[in-house]
């Protein structure tokens, strides 16, 4: 069995050769895995651990519904999850995150579906703002990425149907 010193040396050799990059304390990844928007999401997932999912403005950016420059990656976490302060992360803590409702797995990270993202933007309107939420909903409906009925069904699953119904009826 290899000692911890040997393992550290192997990791250090890979870092100096460029095969690995240090993402965080004890967290390493290949440089090719950290490229682009998917790479940012993968980095956030590595730093937060499991369970976690990309949400809110980051998910809107992923689906092409937001042009805002967001200050970091928005990540849905359980309320009790420990996370050191990172400038690249915007944690969104929830007591009941409902991990099986409206969250899909991509190759290297989990992200909320478009419908759940739209409902969550209204749910966390104090973080995002109502004008941004309405704009995202209008864009999604205009570009025919989703329908009002799909968004309302997701709102029902998340117990948020009464609050989002006036916005859906107005559009």
C-alpha atoms as a PDB file:
ATOM      1  CA  UNK A   1       0.000   0.000   0.000  1.00  0.00           C
ATOM      2  CA  UNK A   2       1.318   3.415  -0.944  1.00  0.00           C
ATOM      3  CA  UNK A   3       1.952   5.905   1.819  1.00  0.00           C
ATOM      4  CA  UNK A   4       0.256   9.276   1.905  1.00  0.00           C
ATOM      5  CA  UNK A   5       3.568  10.911   1.018  1.00  0.00           C
ATOM      6  CA  UNK A   6       3.779   8.846  -2.175  1.00  0.00           C
ATOM      7  CA  UNK A   7       0.212   9.799  -3.114  1.00  0.00           C
ATOM      8  CA  UNK A   8       1.005  13.458  -2.504  1.00  0.00           C
ATOM      9  CA  UNK A   9       4.096  13.247  -4.700  1.00  0.00           C
ATOM     10  CA  UNK A  10       2.096  11.665  -7.521  1.00  0.00           C
ATOM     11  CA  UNK A  11      -0.482  14.435  -7.293  1.00  0.00           C
ATOM     12  CA  UNK A  12       2.281  17.070  -7.186  1.00  0.00           C
ATOM     13  CA  UNK A  13       3.885  15.549 -10.294  1.00  0.00           C
ATOM     14  CA  UNK A  14       0.566  15.644 -12.146  1.00  0.00           C
ATOM     15  CA  UNK A  15       0.052  19.275 -11.138  1.00  0.00           C
ATOM     16  CA  UNK A  16       3.503  20.327 -12.343  1.00  0.00           C
ATOM     17  CA  UNK A  17       3.054  18.438 -15.622  1.00  0.00           C
ATOM     18  CA  UNK A  18      -0.323  20.120 -16.165  1.00  0.00           C
ATOM     19  CA  UNK A  19      -2.448  16.970 -15.959  1.00  0.00           C
ATOM     20  CA  UNK A  20      -4.275  18.211 -12.836  1.00  0.00           C
ATOM     21  CA  UNK A  21      -5.383  21.565 -11.462  1.00  0.00           C
ATOM     22  CA  UNK A  22      -6.099  22.296  -7.819  1.00  0.00           C
ATOM     23  CA  UNK A  23      -9.706  23.443  -7.509  1.00  0.00           C
ATOM     24  CA  UNK A  24      -9.909  23.620  -3.731  1.00  0.00           C
ATOM     25  CA  UNK A  25      -8.498  22.098  -0.590  1.00  0.00           C
ATOM     26  CA  UNK A  26      -8.050  18.422  -1.450  1.00  0.00           C
ATOM     27  CA  UNK A  27     -10.031  18.807  -4.697  1.00  0.00           C
ATOM     28  CA  UNK A  28      -8.338  18.341  -8.061  1.00  0.00           C
ATOM     29  CA  UNK A  29      -9.595  18.130 -11.642  1.00  0.00           C
ATOM     30  CA  UNK A  30      -8.322  17.883 -15.191  1.00  0.00           C
ATOM     31  CA  UNK A  31      -7.905  21.290 -16.875  1.00  0.00           C
ATOM     32  CA  UNK A  32     -10.043  20.181 -19.825  1.00  0.00           C
ATOM     33  CA  UNK A  33     -12.963  19.494 -17.450  1.00  0.00           C
ATOM     34  CA  UNK A  34     -12.980  23.101 -16.228  1.00  0.00           C
ATOM     35  CA  UNK A  35     -13.469  24.879 -19.573  1.00  0.00           C
ATOM     36  CA  UNK A  36     -16.531  26.944 -20.420  1.00  0.00           C
ATOM     37  CA  UNK A  37     -19.831  27.240 -18.598  1.00  0.00           C
ATOM     38  CA  UNK A  38     -20.022  23.485 -18.002  1.00  0.00           C
ATOM     39  CA  UNK A  39     -16.573  23.677 -16.423  1.00  0.00           C
ATOM     40  CA  UNK A  40     -17.725  26.407 -14.032  1.00  0.00           C
ATOM     41  CA  UNK A  41     -20.658  24.249 -13.010  1.00  0.00           C
ATOM     42  CA  UNK A  42     -18.418  21.203 -12.568  1.00  0.00           C
ATOM     43  CA  UNK A  43     -16.044  23.243 -10.383  1.00  0.00           C
ATOM     44  CA  UNK A  44     -18.974  24.402  -8.232  1.00  0.00           C
ATOM     45  CA  UNK A  45     -20.190  20.824  -7.834  1.00  0.00           C
ATOM     46  CA  UNK A  46     -16.707  19.681  -6.814  1.00  0.00           C
ATOM     47  CA  UNK A  47     -16.413  22.454  -4.232  1.00  0.00           C
ATOM     48  CA  UNK A  48     -19.909  21.948  -2.773  1.00  0.00           C
ATOM     49  CA  UNK A  49     -20.000  18.168  -2.829  1.00  0.00           C
ATOM     50  CA  UNK A  50     -23.174  16.140  -2.985  1.00  0.00           C
ATOM     51  CA  UNK A  51     -26.070  16.805  -2.828  1.00  0.00           C
ATOM     52  CA  UNK A  52     -25.962  20.025  -4.801  1.00  0.00           C
ATOM     53  CA  UNK A  53     -27.507  21.371  -7.995  1.00  0.00           C
ATOM     54  CA  UNK A  54     -26.971  24.397 -10.214  1.00  0.00           C
ATOM     55  CA  UNK A  55     -29.954  26.750  -9.936  1.00  0.00           C
ATOM     56  CA  UNK A  56     -31.443  30.231 -10.374  1.00  0.00           C
ATOM     57  CA  UNK A  57     -29.404  32.698 -12.476  1.00  0.00           C
ATOM     58  CA  UNK A  58     -26.777  30.105 -13.385  1.00  0.00           C
ATOM     59  CA  UNK A  59     -29.464  27.755 -14.689  1.00  0.00           C
ATOM     60  CA  UNK A  60     -31.132  30.627 -16.559  1.00  0.00           C
ATOM     61  CA  UNK A  61     -27.780  31.385 -18.192  1.00  0.00           C
ATOM     62  CA  UNK A  62     -27.421  27.698 -19.105  1.00  0.00           C
ATOM     63  CA  UNK A  63     -30.839  27.696 -20.791  1.00  0.00           C
ATOM     64  CA  UNK A  64     -30.120  31.006 -22.558  1.00  0.00           C
ATOM     65  CA  UNK A  65     -32.747  33.030 -20.703  1.00  0.00           C
ATOM     66  CA  UNK A  66     -30.532  35.523 -18.903  1.00  0.00           C
ATOM     67  CA  UNK A  67     -28.048  38.052 -20.144  1.00  0.00           C
ATOM     68  CA  UNK A  68     -27.160  39.244 -16.670  1.00  0.00           C
ATOM     69  CA  UNK A  69     -23.588  38.845 -15.580  1.00  0.00           C
ATOM     70  CA  UNK A  70     -23.951  36.791 -12.479  1.00  0.00           C
ATOM     71  CA  UNK A  71     -21.381  37.018  -9.711  1.00  0.00           C
ATOM     72  CA  UNK A  72     -20.571  33.381  -9.332  1.00  0.00           C
ATOM     73  CA  UNK A  73     -22.347  30.084  -9.758  1.00  0.00           C
ATOM     74  CA  UNK A  74     -25.672  29.729  -7.940  1.00  0.00           C
ATOM     75  CA  UNK A  75     -25.841  26.343  -6.197  1.00  0.00           C
ATOM     76  CA  UNK A  76     -28.792  24.774  -4.376  1.00  0.00           C
ATOM     77  CA  UNK A  77     -27.636  23.194  -1.116  1.00  0.00           C
ATOM     78  CA  UNK A  78     -29.256  21.609   1.920  1.00  0.00           C
ATOM     79  CA  UNK A  79     -29.679  24.053   4.770  1.00  0.00           C
ATOM     80  CA  UNK A  80     -27.122  22.261   6.964  1.00  0.00           C
ATOM     81  CA  UNK A  81     -24.398  21.881   4.315  1.00  0.00           C
ATOM     82  CA  UNK A  82     -21.004  23.277   5.219  1.00  0.00           C
ATOM     83  CA  UNK A  83     -19.387  25.518   2.636  1.00  0.00           C
ATOM     84  CA  UNK A  84     -16.355  27.715   3.061  1.00  0.00           C
ATOM     85  CA  UNK A  85     -16.623  31.239   1.689  1.00  0.00           C
ATOM     86  CA  UNK A  86     -15.893  31.194  -2.008  1.00  0.00           C
ATOM     87  CA  UNK A  87     -16.279  34.187  -4.291  1.00  0.00           C
ATOM     88  CA  UNK A  88     -17.133  31.921  -7.206  1.00  0.00           C
ATOM     89  CA  UNK A  89     -20.148  30.366  -5.438  1.00  0.00           C
ATOM     90  CA  UNK A  90     -23.552  31.743  -4.485  1.00  0.00           C
ATOM     91  CA  UNK A  91     -25.154  29.180  -2.171  1.00  0.00           C
ATOM     92  CA  UNK A  92     -28.940  28.963  -2.063  1.00  0.00           C
ATOM     93  CA  UNK A  93     -29.865  27.033   1.050  1.00  0.00           C
ATOM     94  CA  UNK A  94     -33.154  25.213   1.413  1.00  0.00           C
ATOM     95  CA  UNK A  95     -34.602  23.215   4.308  1.00  0.00           C
ATOM     96  CA  UNK A  96     -36.547  21.001   1.885  1.00  0.00           C
ATOM     97  CA  UNK A  97     -34.751  21.131  -1.470  1.00  0.00           C
ATOM     98  CA  UNK A  98     -36.760  18.205  -2.990  1.00  0.00           C
ATOM     99  CA  UNK A  99     -33.821  16.608  -4.814  1.00  0.00           C
ATOM    100  CA  UNK A 100     -36.031  14.279  -6.878  1.00  0.00           C
ATOM    101  CA  UNK A 101     -38.287  16.989  -8.284  1.00  0.00           C
ATOM    102  CA  UNK A 102     -37.098  18.900 -11.326  1.00  0.00           C
ATOM    103  CA  UNK A 103     -33.373  18.190 -11.097  1.00  0.00           C
ATOM    104  CA  UNK A 104     -31.590  16.483 -13.988  1.00  0.00           C
ATOM    105  CA  UNK A 105     -28.123  14.968 -14.108  1.00  0.00           C
ATOM    106  CA  UNK A 106     -25.717  16.102 -16.784  1.00  0.00           C
ATOM    107  CA  UNK A 107     -22.393  14.371 -17.341  1.00  0.00           C
ATOM    108  CA  UNK A 108     -20.537  16.204 -14.558  1.00  0.00           C
ATOM    109  CA  UNK A 109     -23.126  18.160 -12.572  1.00  0.00           C
ATOM    110  CA  UNK A 110     -26.783  18.340 -11.627  1.00  0.00           C
ATOM    111  CA  UNK A 111     -28.961  21.254 -12.715  1.00  0.00           C
ATOM    112  CA  UNK A 112     -32.573  22.236 -12.180  1.00  0.00           C
ATOM    113  CA  UNK A 113     -34.888  21.776 -15.158  1.00  0.00           C
ATOM    114  CA  UNK A 114     -36.151  24.831 -17.006  1.00  0.00           C
ATOM    115  CA  UNK A 115     -39.571  24.637 -15.354  1.00  0.00           C
ATOM    116  CA  UNK A 116     -38.128  24.262 -11.852  1.00  0.00           C
ATOM    117  CA  UNK A 117     -35.696  27.093 -12.537  1.00  0.00           C
ATOM    118  CA  UNK A 118     -38.572  29.395 -13.494  1.00  0.00           C
ATOM    119  CA  UNK A 119     -40.526  28.456 -10.370  1.00  0.00           C
ATOM    120  CA  UNK A 120     -37.433  28.834  -8.163  1.00  0.00           C
ATOM    121  CA  UNK A 121     -36.736  32.302  -9.569  1.00  0.00           C
ATOM    122  CA  UNK A 122     -40.144  33.374  -8.283  1.00  0.00           C
ATOM    123  CA  UNK A 123     -39.634  31.468  -5.022  1.00  0.00           C
ATOM    124  CA  UNK A 124     -36.355  33.207  -4.295  1.00  0.00           C
ATOM    125  CA  UNK A 125     -37.442  36.597  -5.655  1.00  0.00           C
ATOM    126  CA  UNK A 126     -35.650  38.329  -2.785  1.00  0.00           C
ATOM    127  CA  UNK A 127     -32.348  37.103  -4.200  1.00  0.00           C
ATOM    128  CA  UNK A 128     -33.140  37.627  -7.888  1.00  0.00           C
ATOM    129  CA  UNK A 129     -35.829  40.279  -8.159  1.00  0.00           C
ATOM    130  CA  UNK A 130     -39.334  40.087  -9.597  1.00  0.00           C
ATOM    131  CA  UNK A 131     -38.463  41.934 -12.856  1.00  0.00           C
ATOM    132  CA  UNK A 132     -35.766  39.348 -13.669  1.00  0.00           C
ATOM    133  CA  UNK A 133     -38.170  36.523 -12.884  1.00  0.00           C
ATOM    134  CA  UNK A 134     -40.917  37.934 -15.118  1.00  0.00           C
ATOM    135  CA  UNK A 135     -38.420  38.582 -17.913  1.00  0.00           C
ATOM    136  CA  UNK A 136     -37.147  34.991 -17.763  1.00  0.00           C
ATOM    137  CA  UNK A 137     -40.684  33.590 -17.821  1.00  0.00           C
ATOM    138  CA  UNK A 138     -41.644  35.808 -20.791  1.00  0.00           C
ATOM    139  CA  UNK A 139     -38.538  34.747 -22.732  1.00  0.00           C
ATOM    140  CA  UNK A 140     -39.093  31.044 -22.076  1.00  0.00           C
ATOM    141  CA  UNK A 141     -42.698  31.266 -23.253  1.00  0.00           C
ATOM    142  CA  UNK A 142     -41.856  33.474 -26.241  1.00  0.00           C
ATOM    143  CA  UNK A 143     -39.063  31.157 -27.423  1.00  0.00           C
ATOM    144  CA  UNK A 144     -41.375  28.167 -26.840  1.00  0.00           C
ATOM    145  CA  UNK A 145     -38.908  26.408 -24.569  1.00  0.00           C
ATOM    146  CA  UNK A 146     -41.756  25.534 -22.210  1.00  0.00           C
ATOM    147  CA  UNK A 147     -45.467  26.114 -21.665  1.00  0.00           C
ATOM    148  CA  UNK A 148     -47.516  27.714 -18.916  1.00  0.00           C
ATOM    149  CA  UNK A 149     -49.044  24.361 -18.025  1.00  0.00           C
ATOM    150  CA  UNK A 150     -45.612  22.723 -17.523  1.00  0.00           C
ATOM    151  CA  UNK A 151     -44.486  25.585 -15.291  1.00  0.00           C
ATOM    152  CA  UNK A 152     -47.736  25.392 -13.310  1.00  0.00           C
ATOM    153  CA  UNK A 153     -47.385  21.601 -12.882  1.00  0.00           C
ATOM    154  CA  UNK A 154     -43.866  22.077 -11.511  1.00  0.00           C
ATOM    155  CA  UNK A 155     -45.152  24.802  -9.188  1.00  0.00           C
ATOM    156  CA  UNK A 156     -47.771  22.371  -7.889  1.00  0.00           C
ATOM    157  CA  UNK A 157     -45.094  19.737  -7.224  1.00  0.00           C
ATOM    158  CA  UNK A 158     -43.047  22.331  -5.314  1.00  0.00           C
ATOM    159  CA  UNK A 159     -46.114  23.635  -3.396  1.00  0.00           C
ATOM    160  CA  UNK A 160     -45.796  27.092  -4.921  1.00  0.00           C
ATOM    161  CA  UNK A 161     -48.788  27.163  -7.267  1.00  0.00           C
ATOM    162  CA  UNK A 162     -50.796  29.881  -5.458  1.00  0.00           C
ATOM    163  CA  UNK A 163     -47.919  32.338  -5.544  1.00  0.00           C
ATOM    164  CA  UNK A 164     -46.991  31.862  -9.218  1.00  0.00           C
ATOM    165  CA  UNK A 165     -50.535  31.669 -10.625  1.00  0.00           C
ATOM    166  CA  UNK A 166     -51.066  35.472 -10.892  1.00  0.00           C
ATOM    167  CA  UNK A 167     -47.876  35.840 -12.968  1.00  0.00           C
ATOM    168  CA  UNK A 168     -48.860  32.975 -15.276  1.00  0.00           C
ATOM    169  CA  UNK A 169     -52.353  34.389 -15.769  1.00  0.00           C
ATOM    170  CA  UNK A 170     -50.998  37.857 -16.552  1.00  0.00           C
ATOM    171  CA  UNK A 171     -48.830  36.615 -19.426  1.00  0.00           C
END
